[in-house]
């Protein structure tokens, strides 16, 4: 699976948010539709996205038949929430610092913060 990371953007606006998260697992670009690779559909569930409903997962570089290529994965709110929460929980189980003490490590803090940000936006 491919990995994601990206800088955070400010408040939700007409342009999609880029989530500030450490690497997450994504489906391989070759297994996705053209709409998913271009960021027009959720990378996980393939629902159509608009700038107002999408969460950018950061531009990614990949090898396309021996040539460098870029793809633009984005996610819908339900999938972003599900995958960020799962990644946060998995990280806390595997990270000695996060499993045993506070403050959590930087990766744990970023995953949890992004998951909570998505969760709060889903409740509006």
Foldseek 3Di string as FASTA:
>chain_A
DDWFADDFDDDQDQAATEAHAGIFDFPDPVVDDPCQQAQQAARPPRHGDGRNFKYWRDWDWDQDPNDIDITTHIHGLVVQLVRLVVVLVVCCVVDPQSVPDPPRDPNNVSSVVRNVVSVVVVVD
